[in-house]
PDB file of N, CA and C in Angstrom:
ATOM      1  N   UNK A   1       0.395  -1.286   0.088  1.00  0.00           N
ATOM      2  CA  UNK A   1      -0.132   0.040  -0.142  1.00  0.00           C
ATOM      3  C   UNK A   1       0.983   0.735  -0.083  1.00  0.00           C
ATOM      4  N   UNK A   2       0.476   2.104  -0.860  1.00  0.00           N
ATOM      5  CA  UNK A   2       1.284   3.542  -0.739  1.00  0.00           C
ATOM      6  C   UNK A   2       0.546   4.180   0.214  1.00  0.00           C
ATOM      7  N   UNK A   3       0.935   5.505   0.532  1.00  0.00           N
ATOM      8  CA  UNK A   3       0.179   6.536   1.081  1.00  0.00           C
ATOM      9  C   UNK A   3      -0.208   7.693   0.313  1.00  0.00           C
ATOM     10  N   UNK A   4      -0.501   7.619  -0.962  1.00  0.00           N
ATOM     11  CA  UNK A   4      -0.819   8.754  -1.519  1.00  0.00           C
ATOM     12  C   UNK A   4      -2.610   8.669  -2.141  1.00  0.00           C
ATOM     13  N   UNK A   5      -2.799   7.826  -1.895  1.00  0.00           N
ATOM     14  CA  UNK A   5      -4.357   7.630  -1.877  1.00  0.00           C
ATOM     15  C   UNK A   5      -5.256   6.714  -0.439  1.00  0.00           C
ATOM     16  N   UNK A   6      -6.271   6.407  -0.743  1.00  0.00           N
ATOM     17  CA  UNK A   6      -7.192   6.012   0.131  1.00  0.00           C
ATOM     18  C   UNK A   6      -7.276   4.656  -0.100  1.00  0.00           C
ATOM     19  N   UNK A   7      -6.588   4.198   1.189  1.00  0.00           N
ATOM     20  CA  UNK A   7      -6.848   2.719   1.874  1.00  0.00           C
ATOM     21  C   UNK A   7      -7.883   1.833   0.595  1.00  0.00           C
ATOM     22  N   UNK A   8      -8.693   2.296   1.014  1.00  0.00           N
ATOM     23  CA  UNK A   8      -9.888   1.313   0.479  1.00  0.00           C
ATOM     24  C   UNK A   8      -9.567   1.718  -1.384  1.00  0.00           C
ATOM     25  N   UNK A   9      -9.919   2.556  -1.778  1.00  0.00           N
ATOM     26  CA  UNK A   9      -9.366   2.615  -3.411  1.00  0.00           C
ATOM     27  C   UNK A   9      -8.100   1.708  -3.809  1.00  0.00           C
ATOM     28  N   UNK A  10      -7.099   1.536  -2.887  1.00  0.00           N
ATOM     29  CA  UNK A  10      -5.804   0.747  -3.369  1.00  0.00           C
ATOM     30  C   UNK A  10      -6.770  -0.846  -2.953  1.00  0.00           C
ATOM     31  N   UNK A  11      -7.400  -1.435  -2.353  1.00  0.00           N
ATOM     32  CA  UNK A  11      -7.676  -2.583  -2.222  1.00  0.00           C
ATOM     33  C   UNK A  11      -8.812  -2.967  -3.165  1.00  0.00           C
ATOM     34  N   UNK A  12      -9.229  -1.693  -3.520  1.00  0.00           N
ATOM     35  CA  UNK A  12     -10.368  -1.930  -5.049  1.00  0.00           C
ATOM     36  C   UNK A  12      -9.619  -2.250  -6.206  1.00  0.00           C
ATOM     37  N   UNK A  13      -8.522  -1.229  -6.084  1.00  0.00           N
ATOM     38  CA  UNK A  13      -7.572  -1.445  -7.634  1.00  0.00           C
ATOM     39  C   UNK A  13      -6.788  -2.859  -7.242  1.00  0.00           C
ATOM     40  N   UNK A  14      -6.080  -3.261  -6.382  1.00  0.00           N
ATOM     41  CA  UNK A  14      -5.955  -4.339  -6.109  1.00  0.00           C
ATOM     42  C   UNK A  14      -6.580  -5.407  -6.505  1.00  0.00           C
ATOM     43  N   UNK A  15      -8.086  -5.860  -6.641  1.00  0.00           N
ATOM     44  CA  UNK A  15      -8.783  -6.527  -6.935  1.00  0.00           C
ATOM     45  C   UNK A  15      -8.871  -6.945  -8.663  1.00  0.00           C
ATOM     46  N   UNK A  16      -9.043  -5.220  -8.491  1.00  0.00           N
ATOM     47  CA  UNK A  16      -9.012  -5.245  -9.904  1.00  0.00           C
ATOM     48  C   UNK A  16      -7.982  -6.046 -10.974  1.00  0.00           C
ATOM     49  N   UNK A  17      -6.832  -5.602 -10.264  1.00  0.00           N
ATOM     50  CA  UNK A  17      -5.805  -5.618 -11.059  1.00  0.00           C
ATOM     51  C   UNK A  17      -5.875  -7.481 -11.405  1.00  0.00           C
ATOM     52  N   UNK A  18      -6.161  -8.153  -9.921  1.00  0.00           N
ATOM     53  CA  UNK A  18      -6.229  -9.124 -10.095  1.00  0.00           C
ATOM     54  C   UNK A  18      -7.145  -9.757 -11.181  1.00  0.00           C
ATOM     55  N   UNK A  19      -7.901  -9.294 -11.151  1.00  0.00           N
ATOM     56  CA  UNK A  19      -9.225  -9.437 -12.349  1.00  0.00           C
ATOM     57  C   UNK A  19      -8.820  -9.543 -13.973  1.00  0.00           C
ATOM     58  N   UNK A  20      -8.197  -8.331 -14.025  1.00  0.00           N
ATOM     59  CA  UNK A  20      -7.546  -8.414 -15.392  1.00  0.00           C
ATOM     60  C   UNK A  20      -6.114  -8.980 -15.809  1.00  0.00           C
ATOM     61  N   UNK A  21      -5.681  -9.543 -14.693  1.00  0.00           N
ATOM     62  CA  UNK A  21      -4.295 -10.526 -14.768  1.00  0.00           C
ATOM     63  C   UNK A  21      -4.827 -12.064 -15.048  1.00  0.00           C
ATOM     64  N   UNK A  22      -5.986 -11.657 -14.601  1.00  0.00           N
ATOM     65  CA  UNK A  22      -6.436 -13.040 -14.508  1.00  0.00           C
ATOM     66  C   UNK A  22      -6.648 -13.961 -13.202  1.00  0.00           C
ATOM     67  N   UNK A  23      -5.907 -13.408 -12.081  1.00  0.00           N
ATOM     68  CA  UNK A  23      -5.658 -14.516 -11.146  1.00  0.00           C
ATOM     69  C   UNK A  23      -7.050 -14.440 -10.270  1.00  0.00           C
ATOM     70  N   UNK A  24      -7.656 -13.641 -10.875  1.00  0.00           N
ATOM     71  CA  UNK A  24      -9.097 -13.741 -10.126  1.00  0.00           C
ATOM     72  C   UNK A  24      -9.909 -13.905 -11.690  1.00  0.00           C
ATOM     73  N   UNK A  25     -10.621 -15.135 -11.979  1.00  0.00           N
ATOM     74  CA  UNK A  25     -11.674 -15.453 -12.962  1.00  0.00           C
ATOM     75  C   UNK A  25     -12.879 -15.167 -12.357  1.00  0.00           C
ATOM     76  N   UNK A  26     -13.808 -15.310 -13.473  1.00  0.00           N
ATOM     77  CA  UNK A  26     -15.373 -14.672 -13.139  1.00  0.00           C
ATOM     78  C   UNK A  26     -15.443 -16.065 -12.611  1.00  0.00           C
ATOM     79  N   UNK A  27     -16.994 -15.423 -11.687  1.00  0.00           N
ATOM     80  CA  UNK A  27     -17.605 -16.452 -10.304  1.00  0.00           C
ATOM     81  C   UNK A  27     -16.792 -17.063  -9.399  1.00  0.00           C
ATOM     82  N   UNK A  28     -15.239 -16.700  -9.462  1.00  0.00           N
ATOM     83  CA  UNK A  28     -14.740 -17.507  -8.513  1.00  0.00           C
ATOM     84  C   UNK A  28     -14.576 -15.924  -7.514  1.00  0.00           C
ATOM     85  N   UNK A  29     -14.234 -16.701  -5.860  1.00  0.00           N
ATOM     86  CA  UNK A  29     -14.491 -16.012  -5.265  1.00  0.00           C
ATOM     87  C   UNK A  29     -13.311 -15.164  -4.664  1.00  0.00           C
ATOM     88  N   UNK A  30     -13.855 -14.077  -4.410  1.00  0.00           N
ATOM     89  CA  UNK A  30     -12.742 -12.892  -3.969  1.00  0.00           C
ATOM     90  C   UNK A  30     -12.382 -13.302  -2.454  1.00  0.00           C
ATOM     91  N   UNK A  31     -11.055 -12.771  -1.629  1.00  0.00           N
ATOM     92  CA  UNK A  31     -10.669 -12.986  -0.339  1.00  0.00           C
ATOM     93  C   UNK A  31     -11.975 -11.908   0.144  1.00  0.00           C
ATOM     94  N   UNK A  32     -11.862 -12.484   1.160  1.00  0.00           N
ATOM     95  CA  UNK A  32     -13.169 -11.250   2.510  1.00  0.00           C
ATOM     96  C   UNK A  32     -12.100 -10.668   3.010  1.00  0.00           C
ATOM     97  N   UNK A  33     -13.459  -9.566   3.298  1.00  0.00           N
ATOM     98  CA  UNK A  33     -12.754  -8.514   4.155  1.00  0.00           C
ATOM     99  C   UNK A  33     -11.970  -8.505   5.081  1.00  0.00           C
ATOM    100  N   UNK A  34     -12.255  -9.517   5.881  1.00  0.00           N
ATOM    101  CA  UNK A  34     -11.413 -10.161   6.926  1.00  0.00           C
ATOM    102  C   UNK A  34      -9.907 -10.595   6.982  1.00  0.00           C
ATOM    103  N   UNK A  35      -9.931 -11.365   5.612  1.00  0.00           N
ATOM    104  CA  UNK A  35      -8.363 -11.799   4.952  1.00  0.00           C
ATOM    105  C   UNK A  35      -7.822 -10.439   4.729  1.00  0.00           C
ATOM    106  N   UNK A  36      -8.808 -10.001   3.752  1.00  0.00           N
ATOM    107  CA  UNK A  36      -7.639  -8.743   3.040  1.00  0.00           C
ATOM    108  C   UNK A  36      -7.291  -7.597   4.497  1.00  0.00           C
ATOM    109  N   UNK A  37      -8.320  -7.691   5.740  1.00  0.00           N
ATOM    110  CA  UNK A  37      -7.929  -6.663   6.157  1.00  0.00           C
ATOM    111  C   UNK A  37      -6.599  -7.357   7.001  1.00  0.00           C
ATOM    112  N   UNK A  38      -6.698  -8.605   7.285  1.00  0.00           N
ATOM    113  CA  UNK A  38      -5.342  -9.117   8.167  1.00  0.00           C
ATOM    114  C   UNK A  38      -4.111  -9.215   7.241  1.00  0.00           C
ATOM    115  N   UNK A  39      -3.930  -9.536   5.964  1.00  0.00           N
ATOM    116  CA  UNK A  39      -3.112  -9.587   5.060  1.00  0.00           C
ATOM    117  C   UNK A  39      -2.480  -8.156   5.057  1.00  0.00           C
ATOM    118  N   UNK A  40      -3.213  -6.665   4.876  1.00  0.00           N
ATOM    119  CA  UNK A  40      -2.741  -5.174   4.569  1.00  0.00           C
ATOM    120  C   UNK A  40      -2.808  -5.159   5.741  1.00  0.00           C
ATOM    121  N   UNK A  41      -3.200  -5.715   7.048  1.00  0.00           N
ATOM    122  CA  UNK A  41      -3.353  -5.210   8.221  1.00  0.00           C
ATOM    123  C   UNK A  41      -4.274  -3.667   8.341  1.00  0.00           C
ATOM    124  N   UNK A  42      -5.005  -3.753   7.864  1.00  0.00           N
ATOM    125  CA  UNK A  42      -5.956  -2.827   8.219  1.00  0.00           C
ATOM    126  C   UNK A  42      -6.888  -2.931   8.658  1.00  0.00           C
ATOM    127  N   UNK A  43      -7.926  -1.949   8.899  1.00  0.00           N
ATOM    128  CA  UNK A  43      -9.426  -1.868   9.261  1.00  0.00           C
ATOM    129  C   UNK A  43     -10.048  -2.808   8.805  1.00  0.00           C
ATOM    130  N   UNK A  44     -10.831  -4.078   8.755  1.00  0.00           N
ATOM    131  CA  UNK A  44     -11.839  -4.718   8.606  1.00  0.00           C
ATOM    132  C   UNK A  44     -13.040  -3.830   7.453  1.00  0.00           C
ATOM    133  N   UNK A  45     -13.391  -2.959   7.996  1.00  0.00           N
ATOM    134  CA  UNK A  45     -14.312  -1.679   7.599  1.00  0.00           C
ATOM    135  C   UNK A  45     -13.548  -0.861   5.883  1.00  0.00           C
ATOM    136  N   UNK A  46     -12.682  -0.788   6.703  1.00  0.00           N
ATOM    137  CA  UNK A  46     -11.766  -0.400   5.315  1.00  0.00           C
ATOM    138  C   UNK A  46     -11.994  -0.587   3.938  1.00  0.00           C
ATOM    139  N   UNK A  47     -11.540  -2.351   3.920  1.00  0.00           N
ATOM    140  CA  UNK A  47     -11.394  -3.489   3.270  1.00  0.00           C
ATOM    141  C   UNK A  47     -12.673  -3.556   2.826  1.00  0.00           C
ATOM    142  N   UNK A  48     -13.896  -3.276   3.222  1.00  0.00           N
ATOM    143  CA  UNK A  48     -15.167  -3.787   2.631  1.00  0.00           C
ATOM    144  C   UNK A  48     -15.672  -2.465   2.494  1.00  0.00           C
ATOM    145  N   UNK A  49     -15.118  -1.626   2.076  1.00  0.00           N
ATOM    146  CA  UNK A  49     -15.911  -0.202   1.452  1.00  0.00           C
ATOM    147  C   UNK A  49     -15.178  -0.336   0.483  1.00  0.00           C
ATOM    148  N   UNK A  50     -13.936  -0.920   0.052  1.00  0.00           N
ATOM    149  CA  UNK A  50     -13.226  -1.398  -0.673  1.00  0.00           C
ATOM    150  C   UNK A  50     -13.566  -2.104  -1.599  1.00  0.00           C
ATOM    151  N   UNK A  51     -14.028  -3.023  -1.479  1.00  0.00           N
ATOM    152  CA  UNK A  51     -14.778  -4.513  -1.820  1.00  0.00           C
ATOM    153  C   UNK A  51     -16.255  -3.956  -1.860  1.00  0.00           C
ATOM    154  N   UNK A  52     -16.657  -3.431  -1.573  1.00  0.00           N
ATOM    155  CA  UNK A  52     -18.492  -2.685  -1.897  1.00  0.00           C
ATOM    156  C   UNK A  52     -18.250  -1.764  -3.224  1.00  0.00           C
ATOM    157  N   UNK A  53     -17.151  -1.024  -2.733  1.00  0.00           N
ATOM    158  CA  UNK A  53     -16.998  -0.211  -4.151  1.00  0.00           C
ATOM    159  C   UNK A  53     -17.141  -1.116  -5.799  1.00  0.00           C
ATOM    160  N   UNK A  54     -16.458  -2.181  -5.291  1.00  0.00           N
ATOM    161  CA  UNK A  54     -16.582  -3.414  -7.032  1.00  0.00           C
ATOM    162  C   UNK A  54     -17.795  -3.622  -6.516  1.00  0.00           C
ATOM    163  N   UNK A  55     -18.896  -3.834  -5.745  1.00  0.00           N
ATOM    164  CA  UNK A  55     -19.563  -4.595  -5.880  1.00  0.00           C
ATOM    165  C   UNK A  55     -20.618  -3.513  -6.092  1.00  0.00           C
ATOM    166  N   UNK A  56     -20.715  -1.939  -5.805  1.00  0.00           N
ATOM    167  CA  UNK A  56     -21.646  -1.292  -6.422  1.00  0.00           C
ATOM    168  C   UNK A  56     -21.503  -0.576  -7.993  1.00  0.00           C
ATOM    169  N   UNK A  57     -20.053  -1.005  -8.439  1.00  0.00           N
ATOM    170  CA  UNK A  57     -20.073  -1.005 -10.212  1.00  0.00           C
ATOM    171  C   UNK A  57     -20.376  -2.090 -10.413  1.00  0.00           C
ATOM    172  N   UNK A  58     -20.777  -3.232 -10.186  1.00  0.00           N
ATOM    173  CA  UNK A  58     -21.129  -4.753 -11.036  1.00  0.00           C
ATOM    174  C   UNK A  58     -19.920  -5.352 -11.287  1.00  0.00           C
ATOM    175  N   UNK A  59     -18.678  -5.140 -10.627  1.00  0.00           N
ATOM    176  CA  UNK A  59     -17.397  -5.774 -10.692  1.00  0.00           C
ATOM    177  C   UNK A  59     -17.439  -7.161 -10.001  1.00  0.00           C
ATOM    178  N   UNK A  60     -17.890  -6.985  -8.722  1.00  0.00           N
ATOM    179  CA  UNK A  60     -18.300  -8.392  -8.067  1.00  0.00           C
ATOM    180  C   UNK A  60     -19.725  -8.438  -7.623  1.00  0.00           C
ATOM    181  N   UNK A  61     -20.412  -9.676  -7.005  1.00  0.00           N
ATOM    182  CA  UNK A  61     -21.359  -9.996  -6.369  1.00  0.00           C
ATOM    183  C   UNK A  61     -21.655 -11.041  -5.598  1.00  0.00           C
ATOM    184  N   UNK A  62     -22.656 -10.667  -4.717  1.00  0.00           N
ATOM    185  CA  UNK A  62     -22.614 -10.609  -2.912  1.00  0.00           C
ATOM    186  C   UNK A  62     -23.496 -12.223  -3.307  1.00  0.00           C
ATOM    187  N   UNK A  63     -22.789 -13.280  -2.866  1.00  0.00           N
ATOM    188  CA  UNK A  63     -23.408 -15.108  -2.197  1.00  0.00           C
ATOM    189  C   UNK A  63     -24.172 -14.692  -1.222  1.00  0.00           C
ATOM    190  N   UNK A  64     -24.936 -14.534  -1.000  1.00  0.00           N
ATOM    191  CA  UNK A  64     -25.441 -14.238   1.015  1.00  0.00           C
ATOM    192  C   UNK A  64     -24.825 -15.399   1.658  1.00  0.00           C
ATOM    193  N   UNK A  65     -24.505 -15.482   2.544  1.00  0.00           N
ATOM    194  CA  UNK A  65     -23.667 -16.587   3.653  1.00  0.00           C
ATOM    195  C   UNK A  65     -22.440 -16.742   2.804  1.00  0.00           C
ATOM    196  N   UNK A  66     -21.848 -16.830   1.764  1.00  0.00           N
ATOM    197  CA  UNK A  66     -20.730 -17.128   1.373  1.00  0.00           C
ATOM    198  C   UNK A  66     -19.304 -16.371   0.875  1.00  0.00           C
ATOM    199  N   UNK A  67     -20.068 -15.152   0.115  1.00  0.00           N
ATOM    200  CA  UNK A  67     -18.913 -13.805   0.481  1.00  0.00           C
ATOM    201  C   UNK A  67     -19.073 -13.624  -1.403  1.00  0.00           C
ATOM    202  N   UNK A  68     -17.828 -12.814  -1.482  1.00  0.00           N
ATOM    203  CA  UNK A  68     -18.002 -12.109  -2.950  1.00  0.00           C
ATOM    204  C   UNK A  68     -17.363 -12.970  -4.127  1.00  0.00           C
ATOM    205  N   UNK A  69     -18.124 -12.480  -5.387  1.00  0.00           N
ATOM    206  CA  UNK A  69     -17.457 -13.252  -6.287  1.00  0.00           C
ATOM    207  C   UNK A  69     -17.322 -12.612  -7.485  1.00  0.00           C
ATOM    208  N   UNK A  70     -16.663 -12.682  -8.798  1.00  0.00           N
ATOM    209  CA  UNK A  70     -16.279 -11.926 -10.320  1.00  0.00           C
ATOM    210  C   UNK A  70     -17.406 -11.697 -11.046  1.00  0.00           C
ATOM    211  N   UNK A  71     -18.100 -10.636 -11.075  1.00  0.00           N
ATOM    212  CA  UNK A  71     -19.409 -11.122 -12.011  1.00  0.00           C
ATOM    213  C   UNK A  71     -18.351 -11.701 -13.339  1.00  0.00           C
ATOM    214  N   UNK A  72     -19.546 -12.221 -14.024  1.00  0.00           N
ATOM    215  CA  UNK A  72     -19.444 -12.412 -15.549  1.00  0.00           C
ATOM    216  C   UNK A  72     -19.218 -11.598 -16.170  1.00  0.00           C
ATOM    217  N   UNK A  73     -18.298 -11.008 -17.008  1.00  0.00           N
ATOM    218  CA  UNK A  73     -17.827 -10.036 -18.304  1.00  0.00           C
ATOM    219  C   UNK A  73     -16.899  -8.880 -17.089  1.00  0.00           C
ATOM    220  N   UNK A  74     -16.851  -9.176 -15.840  1.00  0.00           N
ATOM    221  CA  UNK A  74     -16.365  -8.131 -15.378  1.00  0.00           C
ATOM    222  C   UNK A  74     -14.645  -7.680 -15.652  1.00  0.00           C
ATOM    223  N   UNK A  75     -13.772  -8.848 -16.423  1.00  0.00           N
ATOM    224  CA  UNK A  75     -12.578  -8.343 -16.745  1.00  0.00           C
ATOM    225  C   UNK A  75     -13.039  -7.399 -17.976  1.00  0.00           C
ATOM    226  N   UNK A  76     -13.723  -7.963 -19.330  1.00  0.00           N
ATOM    227  CA  UNK A  76     -14.458  -6.980 -20.228  1.00  0.00           C
ATOM    228  C   UNK A  76     -14.254  -5.543 -19.880  1.00  0.00           C
ATOM    229  N   UNK A  77     -15.394  -5.592 -19.028  1.00  0.00           N
ATOM    230  CA  UNK A  77     -15.460  -3.762 -18.892  1.00  0.00           C
ATOM    231  C   UNK A  77     -14.449  -3.122 -17.966  1.00  0.00           C
ATOM    232  N   UNK A  78     -13.935  -3.838 -17.184  1.00  0.00           N
ATOM    233  CA  UNK A  78     -12.466  -3.261 -16.386  1.00  0.00           C
ATOM    234  C   UNK A  78     -11.603  -2.787 -17.405  1.00  0.00           C
ATOM    235  N   UNK A  79     -11.331  -3.745 -18.660  1.00  0.00           N
ATOM    236  CA  UNK A  79     -10.000  -3.491 -19.291  1.00  0.00           C
ATOM    237  C   UNK A  79     -10.744  -2.531 -20.177  1.00  0.00           C
ATOM    238  N   UNK A  80     -11.923  -2.377 -20.879  1.00  0.00           N
ATOM    239  CA  UNK A  80     -12.518  -1.003 -21.218  1.00  0.00           C
ATOM    240  C   UNK A  80     -12.616   0.341 -20.459  1.00  0.00           C
ATOM    241  N   UNK A  81     -12.783  -0.010 -19.014  1.00  0.00           N
ATOM    242  CA  UNK A  81     -12.599   1.321 -18.676  1.00  0.00           C
ATOM    243  C   UNK A  81     -11.285   2.062 -18.418  1.00  0.00           C
ATOM    244  N   UNK A  82     -10.375   0.936 -18.275  1.00  0.00           N
ATOM    245  CA  UNK A  82      -9.145   1.417 -17.791  1.00  0.00           C
ATOM    246  C   UNK A  82      -8.579   1.651 -19.110  1.00  0.00           C
ATOM    247  N   UNK A  83      -8.754   1.245 -20.420  1.00  0.00           N
ATOM    248  CA  UNK A  83      -8.283   1.824 -21.705  1.00  0.00           C
ATOM    249  C   UNK A  83      -8.389   3.115 -22.253  1.00  0.00           C
ATOM    250  N   UNK A  84     -10.220   3.532 -21.734  1.00  0.00           N
ATOM    251  CA  UNK A  84     -10.540   4.642 -21.962  1.00  0.00           C
ATOM    252  C   UNK A  84      -9.790   5.726 -20.589  1.00  0.00           C
ATOM    253  N   UNK A  85      -9.437   5.067 -19.874  1.00  0.00           N
ATOM    254  CA  UNK A  85      -8.808   6.469 -18.980  1.00  0.00           C
ATOM    255  C   UNK A  85      -7.464   6.354 -19.212  1.00  0.00           C
ATOM    256  N   UNK A  86      -6.651   5.349 -19.759  1.00  0.00           N
ATOM    257  CA  UNK A  86      -5.153   5.154 -20.494  1.00  0.00           C
ATOM    258  C   UNK A  86      -4.962   6.045 -21.713  1.00  0.00           C
ATOM    259  N   UNK A  87      -6.570   6.389 -22.599  1.00  0.00           N
ATOM    260  CA  UNK A  87      -6.161   7.518 -23.167  1.00  0.00           C
ATOM    261  C   UNK A  87      -6.754   8.533 -22.523  1.00  0.00           C
ATOM    262  N   UNK A  88      -7.450   9.051 -21.887  1.00  0.00           N
ATOM    263  CA  UNK A  88      -7.654  10.398 -21.206  1.00  0.00           C
ATOM    264  C   UNK A  88      -6.166  10.976 -20.726  1.00  0.00           C
ATOM    265  N   UNK A  89      -5.569   9.793 -19.766  1.00  0.00           N
ATOM    266  CA  UNK A  89      -4.563  10.445 -18.837  1.00  0.00           C
ATOM    267  C   UNK A  89      -3.477  10.105 -19.830  1.00  0.00           C
ATOM    268  N   UNK A  90      -2.979   9.761 -20.725  1.00  0.00           N
ATOM    269  CA  UNK A  90      -1.716   9.840 -21.229  1.00  0.00           C
ATOM    270  C   UNK A  90      -1.531   9.720 -23.037  1.00  0.00           C
ATOM    271  N   UNK A  91      -2.478   9.594 -23.693  1.00  0.00           N
ATOM    272  CA  UNK A  91      -2.658   9.699 -24.996  1.00  0.00           C
ATOM    273  C   UNK A  91      -3.039  10.506 -25.620  1.00  0.00           C
ATOM    274  N   UNK A  92      -4.203  11.706 -24.625  1.00  0.00           N
ATOM    275  CA  UNK A  92      -4.723  12.955 -25.115  1.00  0.00           C
ATOM    276  C   UNK A  92      -3.550  13.707 -24.690  1.00  0.00           C
ATOM    277  N   UNK A  93      -2.905  13.788 -23.870  1.00  0.00           N
ATOM    278  CA  UNK A  93      -1.497  15.177 -23.091  1.00  0.00           C
ATOM    279  C   UNK A  93      -0.882  14.371 -24.456  1.00  0.00           C
ATOM    280  N   UNK A  94      -0.217  13.678 -24.639  1.00  0.00           N
ATOM    281  CA  UNK A  94       0.947  13.231 -25.647  1.00  0.00           C
ATOM    282  C   UNK A  94       0.270  13.869 -26.937  1.00  0.00           C
ATOM    283  N   UNK A  95      -0.985  13.775 -27.817  1.00  0.00           N
ATOM    284  CA  UNK A  95      -1.500  14.309 -28.926  1.00  0.00           C
ATOM    285  C   UNK A  95      -1.128  15.766 -28.488  1.00  0.00           C
ATOM    286  N   UNK A  96      -1.661  16.326 -27.975  1.00  0.00           N
ATOM    287  CA  UNK A  96      -1.722  17.925 -27.207  1.00  0.00           C
ATOM    288  C   UNK A  96      -0.158  18.241 -27.560  1.00  0.00           C
ATOM    289  N   UNK A  97       0.783  17.664 -26.770  1.00  0.00           N
ATOM    290  CA  UNK A  97       1.624  18.090 -26.483  1.00  0.00           C
ATOM    291  C   UNK A  97       2.531  17.764 -27.818  1.00  0.00           C
ATOM    292  N   UNK A  98       2.552  16.904 -28.992  1.00  0.00           N
ATOM    293  CA  UNK A  98       2.955  16.812 -30.021  1.00  0.00           C
ATOM    294  C   UNK A  98       2.285  17.783 -31.517  1.00  0.00           C
ATOM    295  N   UNK A  99       1.224  17.906 -31.097  1.00  0.00           N
ATOM    296  CA  UNK A  99       0.923  19.244 -32.329  1.00  0.00           C
ATOM    297  C   UNK A  99       1.683  20.104 -31.769  1.00  0.00           C
ATOM    298  N   UNK A 100       1.563  21.034 -30.492  1.00  0.00           N
ATOM    299  CA  UNK A 100       2.259  22.207 -30.151  1.00  0.00           C
ATOM    300  C   UNK A 100       3.770  21.705 -30.648  1.00  0.00           C
ATOM    301  N   UNK A 101       4.721  20.618 -30.858  1.00  0.00           N
ATOM    302  CA  UNK A 101       5.912  20.732 -31.300  1.00  0.00           C
ATOM    303  C   UNK A 101       5.699  20.362 -32.798  1.00  0.00           C
ATOM    304  N   UNK A 102       4.587  20.092 -33.600  1.00  0.00           N
ATOM    305  CA  UNK A 102       4.706  20.038 -35.054  1.00  0.00           C
ATOM    306  C   UNK A 102       4.806  18.780 -35.238  1.00  0.00           C
ATOM    307  N   UNK A 103       4.756  17.893 -34.428  1.00  0.00           N
ATOM    308  CA  UNK A 103       4.809  16.509 -34.907  1.00  0.00           C
ATOM    309  C   UNK A 103       3.429  15.726 -35.468  1.00  0.00           C
ATOM    310  N   UNK A 104       3.454  15.248 -36.531  1.00  0.00           N
ATOM    311  CA  UNK A 104       2.400  14.817 -36.567  1.00  0.00           C
ATOM    312  C   UNK A 104       2.075  13.759 -36.484  1.00  0.00           C
ATOM    313  N   UNK A 105       0.670  12.720 -37.015  1.00  0.00           N
ATOM    314  CA  UNK A 105       0.657  11.471 -35.894  1.00  0.00           C
ATOM    315  C   UNK A 105       1.207  10.549 -36.702  1.00  0.00           C
ATOM    316  N   UNK A 106       1.620  10.574 -37.881  1.00  0.00           N
ATOM    317  CA  UNK A 106       3.015   9.374 -38.728  1.00  0.00           C
ATOM    318  C   UNK A 106       4.116   9.789 -37.999  1.00  0.00           C
ATOM    319  N   UNK A 107       4.512  11.142 -37.821  1.00  0.00           N
ATOM    320  CA  UNK A 107       5.822  11.223 -37.110  1.00  0.00           C
ATOM    321  C   UNK A 107       6.034  10.102 -35.578  1.00  0.00           C
ATOM    322  N   UNK A 108       4.666  10.596 -34.908  1.00  0.00           N
ATOM    323  CA  UNK A 108       4.293  10.556 -33.658  1.00  0.00           C
ATOM    324  C   UNK A 108       4.724   8.995 -33.678  1.00  0.00           C
ATOM    325  N   UNK A 109       3.839   7.987 -34.440  1.00  0.00           N
ATOM    326  CA  UNK A 109       3.935   6.456 -34.475  1.00  0.00           C
ATOM    327  C   UNK A 109       5.064   5.771 -34.807  1.00  0.00           C
ATOM    328  N   UNK A 110       5.954   6.741 -35.262  1.00  0.00           N
ATOM    329  CA  UNK A 110       7.369   6.281 -35.722  1.00  0.00           C
ATOM    330  C   UNK A 110       8.184   6.092 -34.808  1.00  0.00           C
ATOM    331  N   UNK A 111       7.969   7.524 -33.722  1.00  0.00           N
ATOM    332  CA  UNK A 111       8.790   7.177 -33.113  1.00  0.00           C
ATOM    333  C   UNK A 111       8.520   6.809 -31.652  1.00  0.00           C
ATOM    334  N   UNK A 112       7.116   5.610 -31.479  1.00  0.00           N
ATOM    335  CA  UNK A 112       6.655   5.298 -30.912  1.00  0.00           C
ATOM    336  C   UNK A 112       7.068   3.659 -30.933  1.00  0.00           C
ATOM    337  N   UNK A 113       7.287   4.044 -32.166  1.00  0.00           N
ATOM    338  CA  UNK A 113       7.679   2.184 -32.527  1.00  0.00           C
ATOM    339  C   UNK A 113       9.551   2.174 -32.345  1.00  0.00           C
ATOM    340  N   UNK A 114       9.740   3.200 -32.530  1.00  0.00           N
ATOM    341  CA  UNK A 114      11.554   3.545 -32.165  1.00  0.00           C
ATOM    342  C   UNK A 114      11.755   3.428 -30.971  1.00  0.00           C
ATOM    343  N   UNK A 115      10.784   3.603 -29.629  1.00  0.00           N
ATOM    344  CA  UNK A 115      11.045   3.482 -28.565  1.00  0.00           C
ATOM    345  C   UNK A 115      10.976   2.068 -27.952  1.00  0.00           C
ATOM    346  N   UNK A 116       9.411   1.732 -28.872  1.00  0.00           N
ATOM    347  CA  UNK A 116       9.745  -0.198 -28.683  1.00  0.00           C
ATOM    348  C   UNK A 116      10.456  -0.744 -29.088  1.00  0.00           C
ATOM    349  N   UNK A 117      10.879  -0.395 -30.174  1.00  0.00           N
ATOM    350  CA  UNK A 117      12.118  -1.260 -30.744  1.00  0.00           C
ATOM    351  C   UNK A 117      13.424  -1.596 -30.002  1.00  0.00           C
ATOM    352  N   UNK A 118      13.702  -0.036 -28.738  1.00  0.00           N
ATOM    353  CA  UNK A 118      14.639  -0.118 -28.134  1.00  0.00           C
ATOM    354  C   UNK A 118      14.732  -1.154 -27.334  1.00  0.00           C
ATOM    355  N   UNK A 119      13.185  -1.470 -26.829  1.00  0.00           N
ATOM    356  CA  UNK A 119      13.150  -2.212 -25.440  1.00  0.00           C
ATOM    357  C   UNK A 119      13.538  -3.587 -24.974  1.00  0.00           C
TER     358      UNK A 119
END
């Protein structure tokens, strides 16, 4: 956990990342709030707030008396939402700066390919 963002958001993001990388598949039970709280040494109410956020947005669903599970289609919904966020946070500012510098999209693509080849 890092200190820059609320812990409940970090718990929600941690579960989202596990769904995106496939370690939590659809209809798989997620760790309980008590397990999350014990592992991260946080208050169970804080863990529950992060989990409930995912329930509210449809990423997780409750099975009464059993626990929380990954909703069908959650991975694709998360991927789509994260791609939109990526475009807004990174691509849009990149294109804005490229325009300021007179770099057209073709040249920008070549620059990206060149940097990718260096990796």
